[in-house]
Amino acid sequence: MSIELFLGCSMIVVCMVIQCVVVSLLLRGLHTLEEKHLIGSSIISASGLLIVVLLVLFAGNLLQATLWSGMFFACGEFENFGTAFYHSLVNFSTLGYGDLVMSTEWRLLGALEAANGVLMLGLTTSVLYSTISALMRRGRRKIKNKQAKKRMEDNGMRKMVCFLLLALASAVFSQPSLAEKADDKKDIPWERFQVSFGGYFALLDSNIRVGSSALGIDLDVEEFLGLDSSQWAFRLGAVYRFGKSRRHAVGVDWFKFDRSGDKQVTTEIILPPVLGGGTIPVGLNIQSVFNFDIYEARYRYSFIMDDRMEANVGVGLFVMPIEFGIGQQGSNFTQTDITAPLPVLGLGFNFAITPKWLLRQNVDLMYLEYDDFKGGIFNYQLALEWRPLKHWGFGAAVETMNMKVEVIKETSWPGLDFDGAVKFGFQGLRLYVKYLI
C-alpha cells in the first residue's frame, strides 16, 4: 500500500507541475497578445484563439495520461503499452468502463489517477472559462474605448491623453527588461558546473527469466534466491551547463547494486542451456549473484529559465550492465552477462524557494519495441537542496525506478545477446553533497 501511495502521489505532483507550466505558458502568451493588441473581436479571431487554447490544454492532459500509462506498464500491470495507455485514459477521464481491472497490488494507482484527472480537467475548464471571459471583456472594453475616444475628441482632451501615454511609455522602457535581468549570471541560481556524490538506501524488487518463456528459468531473485530486498548504494553524478544563457546542459550519473545470496533450494530448478543445463535438486544449498550497474547520460534544454524557476526537456540514455549467476556452493556455478541500453525522454523542473533552498524534480520515461526487443523504463526524482556555502550544497531526494527488458537470442539490439527477460525496480532515499562552480 505504501509503495502504491508513494508512486501515485509522486505522479500527481509531476502532473501538477506539467499542468501549471502549460497554464503559465498559455497565460503568458495571452498576456503578450493582449499587450500587442493582437486579439481581435471578430468571430474568426476569437474562434482561432479558443482552438489554440483547447489544443494546448488537451496536449498537456494527454502527456499526463501517457506518464501514468508508462508507470502502469513499468509496474507489469499490462503486457503492452497500448493497453496501458487505453486504461490510463479511462482512469484520467473518470469514465470507469470496467472492461480492464488492475491487480489488487496496484489498483490504488487507478483511483489516484482518477483523482488527478478530476483536478486537471477542472483546471482545464477554468482556463477555458477565463479565456472566454477575457474575450468578452476585451469586446466590452473595445466598445467603451470607442465611446471614450469620441468624448475626448469632443472636449479637447485628446492631446492630454497622448502626453500621458508618452510619459508612461518613457517610464516603462527606461527600466531594465526582465530578459536582461534573467541573463545576468549573478541573479541566476543555476550553476555552470556541479559534481554530486552520496548514497542510497533503496528497497529492491527484481525478477529475471533466462531462456524462453516456455523452457527458461523465471525467478523472483529476492524471494527464491534469498537476495537482500534492501541495500545501501553509492551514487556519483555531474552536470555542465554551456552557452552564454546556460540553457543547454549535459550530465552523467552512475550507481550500482551488487548482491549475492545463499539459500537452500525448496523447489527443483531446471537450468536452461544458456546456464549450462541440468537441474538443481531440492535440499541443495545454492549461491547466486545479481549485480546491476546503471550509467546515465543526458542532454537537457531549459525552455523556461529565470531567477526563480527553470523547466527543461531533453533526451538521455540509460546503459545497464547486468550480471546474473546461480549454482551449487563450490561447484557448477554458471552465470550470464547482459547489457541493456535504453533511450529515454526527460522532463525536469527546478524552483528556487529561497536563494539557499531549491526544489528539484525530474522524470525519465520511454517504451520501445524494436525487432525482437521490448523495453520500458520509468524514473522519477524529487529532491530538496540546501546551499549554505557558495560552492557547497547538501540535499535529500526520493527516487523510484522501474525497468523491464524482454529479448530473444536473435535480436539485433546492441548489447543484448541473450534469450530472456529482466525486471528491476527500486524506491529509495538518497542523501548527497554537491560541489558547485
Protein backbone atom coordinates (compact mmCIF):
# COMPACT_ATOMS: atom_id res chain seq x y z
CA MET A 1 0.00 0.00 0.00
CA SER A 2 2.76 2.46 0.92
CA ILE A 3 4.63 1.97 -2.38
CA GLU A 4 1.48 2.49 -4.49
CA LEU A 5 0.58 5.60 -2.47
CA PHE A 6 4.11 6.98 -2.82
CA LEU A 7 4.23 6.36 -6.59
CA GLY A 8 0.72 7.74 -7.13
CA CYS A 9 1.29 10.91 -5.09
CA SER A 10 4.65 11.47 -6.82
CA MET A 11 2.99 11.19 -10.22
CA ILE A 12 0.24 13.60 -9.14
CA VAL A 13 2.95 16.14 -8.22
CA VAL A 14 4.57 15.68 -11.65
CA CYS A 15 1.20 16.15 -13.40
CA MET A 16 0.52 19.28 -11.35
CA VAL A 17 3.87 20.71 -12.44
CA ILE A 18 3.09 19.90 -16.10
CA GLN A 19 -0.37 21.46 -15.87
CA CYS A 20 0.97 24.58 -14.11
CA VAL A 21 3.70 25.00 -16.75
CA VAL A 22 1.17 24.60 -19.59
CA VAL A 23 -1.28 27.05 -17.96
CA SER A 24 1.53 29.53 -17.20
CA LEU A 25 2.73 29.43 -20.81
CA LEU A 26 -0.83 29.98 -22.06
CA LEU A 27 -1.40 32.91 -19.71
CA ARG A 28 1.94 34.44 -20.69
CA GLY A 29 1.06 34.06 -24.37
CA LEU A 30 -2.40 35.57 -23.90
CA HIS A 31 -0.90 38.46 -21.92
CA THR A 32 1.62 39.11 -24.71
CA LEU A 33 -1.12 39.06 -27.36
CA GLU A 34 -3.19 41.42 -25.23
CA GLU A 35 -0.29 43.85 -24.82
CA LYS A 36 0.38 43.86 -28.57
CA HIS A 37 -3.35 44.23 -29.36
CA LEU A 38 -3.31 41.05 -31.47
CA ILE A 39 -6.53 39.63 -30.03
CA GLY A 40 -9.34 40.64 -32.31
CA SER A 41 -13.03 40.68 -31.51
CA SER A 42 -14.16 39.05 -34.77
CA ILE A 43 -15.64 35.55 -34.83
CA ILE A 44 -12.66 34.14 -36.75
CA SER A 45 -10.09 35.65 -34.37
CA ALA A 46 -11.93 34.51 -31.22
CA SER A 47 -12.53 31.00 -32.63
CA GLY A 48 -8.88 30.64 -33.62
CA LEU A 49 -7.71 31.65 -30.15
CA LEU A 50 -10.07 29.19 -28.45
CA ILE A 51 -8.94 26.35 -30.75
CA VAL A 52 -5.28 27.00 -29.92
CA VAL A 53 -6.00 27.10 -26.18
CA LEU A 54 -8.01 23.86 -26.40
CA LEU A 55 -5.26 22.05 -28.32
CA VAL A 56 -2.52 23.13 -25.89
CA LEU A 57 -4.57 22.10 -22.83
CA PHE A 58 -5.52 18.79 -24.44
CA ALA A 59 -1.85 18.09 -25.25
CA GLY A 60 -0.94 18.73 -21.60
CA ASN A 61 -3.64 16.33 -20.35
CA LEU A 62 -2.62 13.71 -22.93
CA LEU A 63 1.01 13.93 -21.76
CA GLN A 64 -0.10 13.33 -18.16
CA ALA A 65 -2.16 10.28 -19.14
CA THR A 66 0.87 8.97 -21.07
CA LEU A 67 3.08 9.26 -17.97
CA TRP A 68 0.52 7.32 -15.91
CA SER A 69 0.36 4.60 -18.59
CA GLY A 70 4.15 4.38 -18.56
CA MET A 71 4.07 3.74 -14.82
CA PHE A 72 1.32 1.08 -15.23
CA PHE A 73 3.41 -0.70 -17.86
CA ALA A 74 6.63 -0.43 -15.86
CA CYS A 75 4.85 -1.98 -12.85
CA GLY A 76 3.96 -5.00 -15.03
CA GLU A 77 0.18 -4.49 -14.97
CA PHE A 78 -0.22 -4.77 -18.76
CA GLU A 79 1.51 -6.80 -21.46
CA ASN A 80 1.79 -3.93 -23.95
CA PHE A 81 1.90 -0.15 -23.82
CA GLY A 82 -1.24 0.33 -25.94
CA THR A 83 -3.44 -1.44 -23.39
CA ALA A 84 -1.83 0.52 -20.55
CA PHE A 85 -2.43 3.80 -22.42
CA TYR A 86 -6.12 2.96 -23.03
CA HIS A 87 -6.65 2.07 -19.36
CA SER A 88 -4.87 5.27 -18.31
CA LEU A 89 -7.17 7.43 -20.47
CA VAL A 90 -10.25 5.70 -18.99
CA ASN A 91 -8.96 6.43 -15.48
CA PHE A 92 -7.87 10.02 -16.23
CA SER A 93 -11.23 10.92 -17.77
CA THR A 94 -13.07 9.09 -14.90
CA LEU A 95 -15.17 7.08 -17.38
CA GLY A 96 -14.77 3.84 -15.40
CA TYR A 97 -15.80 1.35 -18.10
CA GLY A 98 -14.63 -1.60 -16.01
CA ASP A 99 -13.50 -3.67 -19.02
CA LEU A 100 -9.91 -3.65 -17.70
CA VAL A 101 -9.20 -4.01 -13.97
CA MET A 102 -5.80 -3.65 -12.31
CA SER A 103 -4.50 -6.24 -9.85
CA THR A 104 -5.07 -5.86 -6.12
CA GLU A 105 -1.39 -4.93 -5.66
CA TRP A 106 -1.57 -1.81 -7.87
CA ARG A 107 -5.28 -0.91 -8.11
CA LEU A 108 -4.81 2.13 -5.82
CA LEU A 109 -2.90 3.79 -8.69
CA GLY A 110 -6.08 3.78 -10.81
CA ALA A 111 -8.05 5.63 -8.13
CA LEU A 112 -5.24 8.18 -7.66
CA GLU A 113 -5.09 8.80 -11.42
CA ALA A 114 -8.85 9.37 -11.48
CA ALA A 115 -8.49 11.95 -8.69
CA ASN A 116 -5.62 13.52 -10.63
CA GLY A 117 -7.77 13.65 -13.78
CA VAL A 118 -10.66 15.38 -11.96
CA LEU A 119 -8.29 18.09 -10.69
CA MET A 120 -6.50 18.63 -14.01
CA LEU A 121 -9.66 18.59 -16.15
CA GLY A 122 -11.24 21.03 -13.69
CA LEU A 123 -8.25 23.34 -14.09
CA THR A 124 -8.53 22.98 -17.87
CA THR A 125 -12.19 24.01 -17.71
CA SER A 126 -11.35 27.05 -15.57
CA VAL A 127 -8.69 28.18 -18.07
CA LEU A 128 -11.21 27.91 -20.92
CA TYR A 129 -13.72 29.91 -18.89
CA SER A 130 -11.07 32.56 -18.18
CA THR A 131 -10.19 32.75 -21.89
CA ILE A 132 -13.83 33.24 -22.91
CA SER A 133 -14.27 35.83 -20.17
CA ALA A 134 -11.17 37.67 -21.38
CA LEU A 135 -12.55 37.77 -24.92
CA MET A 136 -15.87 39.14 -23.65
CA ARG A 137 -14.12 41.76 -21.52
CA ARG A 138 -12.00 42.82 -24.46
CA GLY A 139 -15.10 43.23 -26.61
CA ARG A 140 -16.72 45.41 -23.96
CA ARG A 141 -13.53 47.40 -23.47
CA LYS A 142 -13.29 47.99 -27.19
CA ILE A 143 -16.79 49.47 -27.24
CA LYS A 144 -16.08 51.59 -24.17
CA ASN A 145 -12.77 52.75 -25.62
CA LYS A 146 -14.51 53.94 -28.78
CA GLN A 147 -17.04 55.85 -26.75
CA ALA A 148 -14.35 57.36 -24.52
CA LYS A 149 -12.25 58.34 -27.50
CA LYS A 150 -15.19 60.13 -29.07
CA ARG A 151 -15.86 62.01 -25.85
CA MET A 152 -12.19 63.05 -25.58
CA GLU A 153 -12.19 64.30 -29.13
CA ASP A 154 -15.32 66.31 -28.39
CA ASN A 155 -13.97 68.03 -25.28
CA GLY A 156 -10.40 68.60 -26.46
CA MET A 157 -8.69 66.07 -24.13
CA ARG A 158 -7.01 64.05 -26.85
CA LYS A 159 -3.72 65.94 -26.61
CA MET A 160 -3.57 65.43 -22.85
CA VAL A 161 -4.11 61.67 -23.19
CA CYS A 162 -1.35 61.42 -25.79
CA PHE A 163 1.00 63.25 -23.47
CA LEU A 164 0.21 60.87 -20.59
CA LEU A 165 0.70 57.81 -22.79
CA LEU A 166 4.06 59.13 -23.96
CA ALA A 167 5.19 59.71 -20.38
CA LEU A 168 4.09 56.22 -19.37
CA ALA A 169 5.93 54.59 -22.28
CA SER A 170 9.10 56.50 -21.44
CA ALA A 171 8.95 55.29 -17.83
CA VAL A 172 8.41 51.67 -18.86
CA PHE A 173 11.16 51.47 -21.48
CA SER A 174 13.66 53.26 -19.28
CA GLN A 175 13.69 50.27 -16.86
CA PRO A 176 15.81 47.13 -17.47
CA SER A 177 13.82 44.39 -19.12
CA LEU A 178 13.04 41.09 -17.41
CA ALA A 179 15.02 39.24 -20.05
CA GLU A 180 18.12 41.31 -19.35
CA LYS A 181 17.77 40.58 -15.65
CA ALA A 182 17.38 36.88 -16.32
CA ASP A 183 20.59 36.87 -18.39
CA ASP A 184 22.57 38.43 -15.51
CA LYS A 185 24.54 35.46 -14.22
CA LYS A 186 24.61 36.88 -10.71
CA ASP A 187 20.82 36.65 -10.45
CA ILE A 188 20.56 33.07 -11.75
CA PRO A 189 20.97 30.25 -9.18
CA TRP A 190 21.54 27.61 -11.89
CA GLU A 191 25.23 26.75 -11.61
CA ARG A 192 27.63 26.34 -14.55
CA PHE A 193 29.12 23.06 -13.27
CA GLN A 194 28.31 20.68 -10.42
CA VAL A 195 29.53 17.36 -9.07
CA SER A 196 27.39 15.35 -6.64
CA PHE A 197 28.21 12.29 -4.59
CA GLY A 198 26.20 10.46 -1.98
CA GLY A 199 24.42 7.26 -1.06
CA TYR A 200 21.06 5.50 -1.38
CA PHE A 201 19.04 3.39 0.96
CA ALA A 202 16.87 1.51 -1.54
CA LEU A 203 14.10 -1.12 -1.46
CA LEU A 204 14.68 -3.53 -4.36
CA ASP A 205 12.36 -5.73 -6.41
CA SER A 206 13.87 -7.90 -9.15
CA ASN A 207 12.77 -10.68 -11.45
CA ILE A 208 14.80 -12.45 -14.13
CA ARG A 209 14.00 -15.05 -16.76
CA VAL A 210 16.87 -16.76 -18.58
CA GLY A 211 15.74 -18.71 -21.65
CA SER A 212 12.40 -18.69 -23.44
CA SER A 213 9.14 -18.23 -21.59
CA ALA A 214 8.36 -21.92 -22.12
CA LEU A 215 11.75 -23.53 -21.39
CA GLY A 216 13.66 -20.94 -19.36
CA ILE A 217 14.05 -20.29 -15.65
CA ASP A 218 11.92 -17.50 -14.19
CA LEU A 219 12.87 -16.33 -10.68
CA ASP A 220 11.92 -13.68 -8.16
CA VAL A 221 15.51 -13.19 -7.03
CA GLU A 222 14.71 -11.74 -3.59
CA GLU A 223 12.22 -14.42 -2.57
CA PHE A 224 13.56 -17.50 -4.34
CA LEU A 225 17.32 -16.89 -4.09
CA GLY A 226 17.43 -15.09 -0.75
CA LEU A 227 18.96 -11.85 -2.05
CA ASP A 228 18.57 -8.73 0.09
CA SER A 229 15.46 -6.69 -0.65
CA SER A 230 17.10 -3.52 0.70
CA GLN A 231 20.61 -2.14 0.28
CA TRP A 232 22.86 0.90 0.60
CA ALA A 233 24.42 2.06 -2.68
CA PHE A 234 26.85 4.80 -3.74
CA ARG A 235 25.98 7.33 -6.48
CA LEU A 236 28.15 9.80 -8.41
CA GLY A 237 26.99 12.44 -10.92
CA ALA A 238 27.99 15.62 -12.77
CA VAL A 239 26.20 18.33 -14.78
CA TYR A 240 27.69 21.01 -17.06
CA ARG A 241 25.72 23.95 -18.47
CA PHE A 242 27.12 25.56 -21.58
CA GLY A 243 26.31 28.57 -23.69
CA LYS A 244 26.01 32.18 -22.56
CA SER A 245 22.46 31.71 -21.30
CA ARG A 246 23.21 28.32 -19.65
CA ARG A 247 20.08 26.85 -21.20
CA HIS A 248 21.93 23.83 -22.59
CA ALA A 249 23.14 21.14 -20.16
CA VAL A 250 24.78 17.72 -20.34
CA GLY A 251 25.03 15.33 -17.42
CA VAL A 252 26.19 11.86 -16.38
CA ASP A 253 25.31 9.64 -13.41
CA TRP A 254 26.49 6.26 -12.15
CA PHE A 255 25.36 3.97 -9.34
CA LYS A 256 25.25 0.24 -8.75
CA PHE A 257 23.67 -2.53 -6.69
CA ASP A 258 25.74 -5.67 -6.03
CA ARG A 259 24.02 -8.56 -4.28
CA SER A 260 24.81 -12.19 -3.55
CA GLY A 261 22.99 -14.81 -1.53
CA ASP A 262 23.00 -18.36 -0.19
CA LYS A 263 19.83 -20.38 0.20
CA GLN A 264 18.63 -23.97 0.41
CA VAL A 265 16.55 -24.98 -2.60
CA THR A 266 12.91 -25.79 -1.79
CA THR A 267 11.79 -26.33 -5.40
CA GLU A 268 13.74 -28.15 -8.13
CA ILE A 269 15.41 -25.71 -10.55
CA ILE A 270 15.83 -26.73 -14.21
CA LEU A 271 18.68 -24.70 -15.70
CA PRO A 272 18.33 -23.61 -19.36
CA PRO A 273 21.17 -24.31 -21.85
CA VAL A 274 22.48 -20.75 -21.54
CA LEU A 275 23.27 -21.52 -17.87
CA GLY A 276 24.80 -24.93 -18.60
CA GLY A 277 21.67 -27.07 -18.43
CA GLY A 278 20.94 -29.71 -15.81
CA THR A 279 18.96 -29.40 -12.59
CA ILE A 280 19.47 -28.22 -9.02
CA PRO A 281 17.58 -30.66 -6.78
CA VAL A 282 15.60 -29.83 -3.64
CA GLY A 283 17.68 -29.60 -0.46
CA LEU A 284 20.96 -28.34 -2.00
CA ASN A 285 22.48 -25.05 -0.92
CA ILE A 286 22.95 -22.68 -3.84
CA GLN A 287 24.83 -19.45 -4.39
CA SER A 288 23.53 -16.63 -6.54
CA VAL A 289 24.65 -13.17 -7.65
CA PHE A 290 22.67 -10.34 -9.18
CA ASN A 291 24.80 -7.26 -9.90
CA PHE A 292 23.29 -4.20 -11.54
CA ASP A 293 25.15 -1.08 -12.74
CA ILE A 294 23.30 1.99 -14.05
CA TYR A 295 25.04 4.56 -16.26
CA GLU A 296 23.02 7.56 -17.42
CA ALA A 297 23.98 10.24 -19.96
CA ARG A 298 21.60 13.06 -20.84
CA TYR A 299 21.13 16.37 -22.63
CA ARG A 300 18.61 18.96 -21.44
CA TYR A 301 17.38 22.29 -22.85
CA SER A 302 15.81 24.85 -20.49
CA PHE A 303 12.80 26.31 -22.27
CA ILE A 304 11.94 28.34 -19.16
CA MET A 305 14.68 29.98 -17.09
CA ASP A 306 14.69 32.96 -14.76
CA ASP A 307 15.99 33.75 -11.28
CA ARG A 308 13.37 31.52 -9.55
CA MET A 309 12.21 28.81 -11.94
CA GLU A 310 13.77 26.53 -14.55
CA ALA A 311 11.96 23.93 -16.68
CA ASN A 312 13.70 21.67 -19.18
CA VAL A 313 13.16 18.85 -21.67
CA GLY A 314 15.71 16.52 -23.16
CA VAL A 315 16.89 13.09 -24.19
CA GLY A 316 19.11 10.57 -22.50
CA LEU A 317 20.47 7.05 -22.50
CA PHE A 318 20.44 4.50 -19.67
CA VAL A 319 23.07 1.75 -20.05
CA MET A 320 22.67 -1.09 -17.54
CA PRO A 321 25.23 -3.93 -17.39
CA ILE A 322 23.63 -6.85 -15.52
CA GLU A 323 25.39 -9.93 -14.13
CA PHE A 324 23.35 -12.93 -13.00
CA GLY A 325 24.69 -16.27 -11.77
CA ILE A 326 23.35 -19.32 -9.98
CA GLY A 327 24.79 -22.67 -8.94
CA GLN A 328 25.83 -25.04 -6.16
CA GLN A 329 28.22 -23.87 -3.50
CA GLY A 330 31.81 -24.52 -4.58
CA SER A 331 30.96 -26.08 -7.98
CA ASN A 332 28.78 -25.89 -11.09
CA PHE A 333 28.39 -22.14 -10.80
CA THR A 334 27.31 -20.57 -14.11
CA GLN A 335 26.41 -17.00 -14.96
CA THR A 336 25.30 -14.77 -17.83
CA ASP A 337 26.08 -11.12 -18.54
CA ILE A 338 23.62 -8.67 -20.10
CA THR A 339 23.95 -5.05 -21.17
CA ALA A 340 20.64 -3.22 -21.61
CA PRO A 341 20.83 0.20 -23.35
CA LEU A 342 17.57 2.19 -23.23
CA PRO A 343 16.98 5.70 -24.68
CA VAL A 344 14.68 7.98 -22.67
CA LEU A 345 12.84 11.28 -22.89
CA GLY A 346 13.16 13.57 -19.90
CA LEU A 347 11.29 16.43 -18.26
CA GLY A 348 12.69 18.48 -15.37
CA PHE A 349 11.53 21.31 -13.13
CA ASN A 350 13.63 23.30 -10.64
CA PHE A 351 12.38 26.02 -8.31
CA ALA A 352 14.38 28.34 -6.04
CA ILE A 353 12.26 28.60 -2.88
CA THR A 354 14.84 30.98 -1.39
CA PRO A 355 18.41 31.81 -2.51
CA LYS A 356 19.64 28.86 -0.40
CA TRP A 357 16.77 26.34 -0.74
CA LEU A 358 15.95 24.65 -4.07
CA LEU A 359 13.29 22.12 -5.09
CA ARG A 360 14.14 19.78 -7.98
CA GLN A 361 12.01 17.29 -9.93
CA ASN A 362 12.93 15.03 -12.83
CA VAL A 363 11.08 12.38 -14.87
CA ASP A 364 12.57 9.98 -17.45
CA LEU A 365 10.27 7.75 -19.49
CA MET A 366 10.45 5.51 -22.55
CA TYR A 367 8.82 2.41 -24.05
CA LEU A 368 10.39 0.85 -27.13
CA GLU A 369 9.77 -2.15 -29.40
CA TYR A 370 12.43 -2.98 -32.00
CA ASP A 371 12.98 -6.26 -33.84
CA ASP A 372 12.63 -8.91 -31.09
CA PHE A 373 13.34 -6.45 -28.27
CA LYS A 374 10.86 -4.86 -25.87
CA GLY A 375 11.94 -2.42 -23.20
CA GLY A 376 10.45 0.18 -20.90
CA ILE A 377 11.77 2.44 -18.17
CA PHE A 378 10.25 4.95 -15.74
CA ASN A 379 12.39 7.03 -13.39
CA TYR A 380 11.24 9.86 -11.07
CA GLN A 381 13.24 12.00 -8.64
CA LEU A 382 12.15 14.67 -6.16
CA ALA A 383 14.91 16.49 -4.25
CA LEU A 384 15.30 19.33 -1.74
CA GLU A 385 18.67 21.12 -1.65
CA TRP A 386 20.25 23.45 0.88
CA ARG A 387 23.19 25.65 -0.13
CA PRO A 388 24.67 27.27 2.98
CA LEU A 389 28.04 27.92 1.28
CA LYS A 390 28.99 29.46 -2.05
CA HIS A 391 30.41 26.29 -3.59
CA TRP A 392 28.81 23.56 -1.47
CA GLY A 393 25.29 22.21 -1.14
CA PHE A 394 23.53 19.34 0.61
CA GLY A 395 20.42 17.52 -0.47
CA ALA A 396 17.91 14.75 0.18
CA ALA A 397 15.97 13.05 -2.60
CA VAL A 398 13.38 10.34 -3.03
CA GLU A 399 13.60 8.31 -6.21
CA THR A 400 11.71 5.47 -7.84
CA MET A 401 12.72 3.50 -10.90
CA ASN A 402 11.17 0.60 -12.79
CA MET A 403 12.80 -1.09 -15.78
CA LYS A 404 11.74 -4.06 -17.89
CA VAL A 405 13.61 -5.63 -20.81
CA GLU A 406 12.50 -8.66 -22.83
CA VAL A 407 14.54 -10.07 -25.71
CA ILE A 408 15.27 -13.25 -27.67
CA LYS A 409 18.65 -14.60 -28.72
CA GLU A 410 18.48 -13.48 -32.34
CA THR A 411 17.74 -9.79 -31.72
CA SER A 412 19.94 -7.16 -33.38
CA TRP A 413 19.53 -4.69 -30.49
CA PRO A 414 23.07 -3.74 -29.33
CA GLY A 415 24.39 -5.34 -26.15
CA LEU A 416 21.59 -7.89 -25.80
CA ASP A 417 22.67 -11.34 -26.98
CA PHE A 418 20.67 -13.46 -24.56
CA ASP A 419 17.21 -15.01 -24.52
CA GLY A 420 15.07 -13.93 -21.58
CA ALA A 421 13.69 -11.01 -19.61
CA VAL A 422 14.81 -8.77 -16.77
CA LYS A 423 12.60 -6.68 -14.49
CA PHE A 424 14.20 -4.41 -11.92
CA GLY A 425 12.82 -1.68 -9.69
CA PHE A 426 13.72 0.27 -6.60
CA GLN A 427 12.40 3.02 -4.36
CA GLY A 428 14.79 4.82 -2.11
CA LEU A 429 16.05 7.81 -0.16
CA ARG A 430 19.28 9.49 -1.31
CA LEU A 431 21.49 11.84 0.70
CA TYR A 432 24.14 13.72 -1.24
CA VAL A 433 26.71 16.53 -1.27
CA LYS A 434 27.29 18.90 -4.20
CA TYR A 435 30.29 20.94 -5.26
CA LEU A 436 29.19 23.93 -7.37
CA ILE A 437 31.02 26.28 -9.71
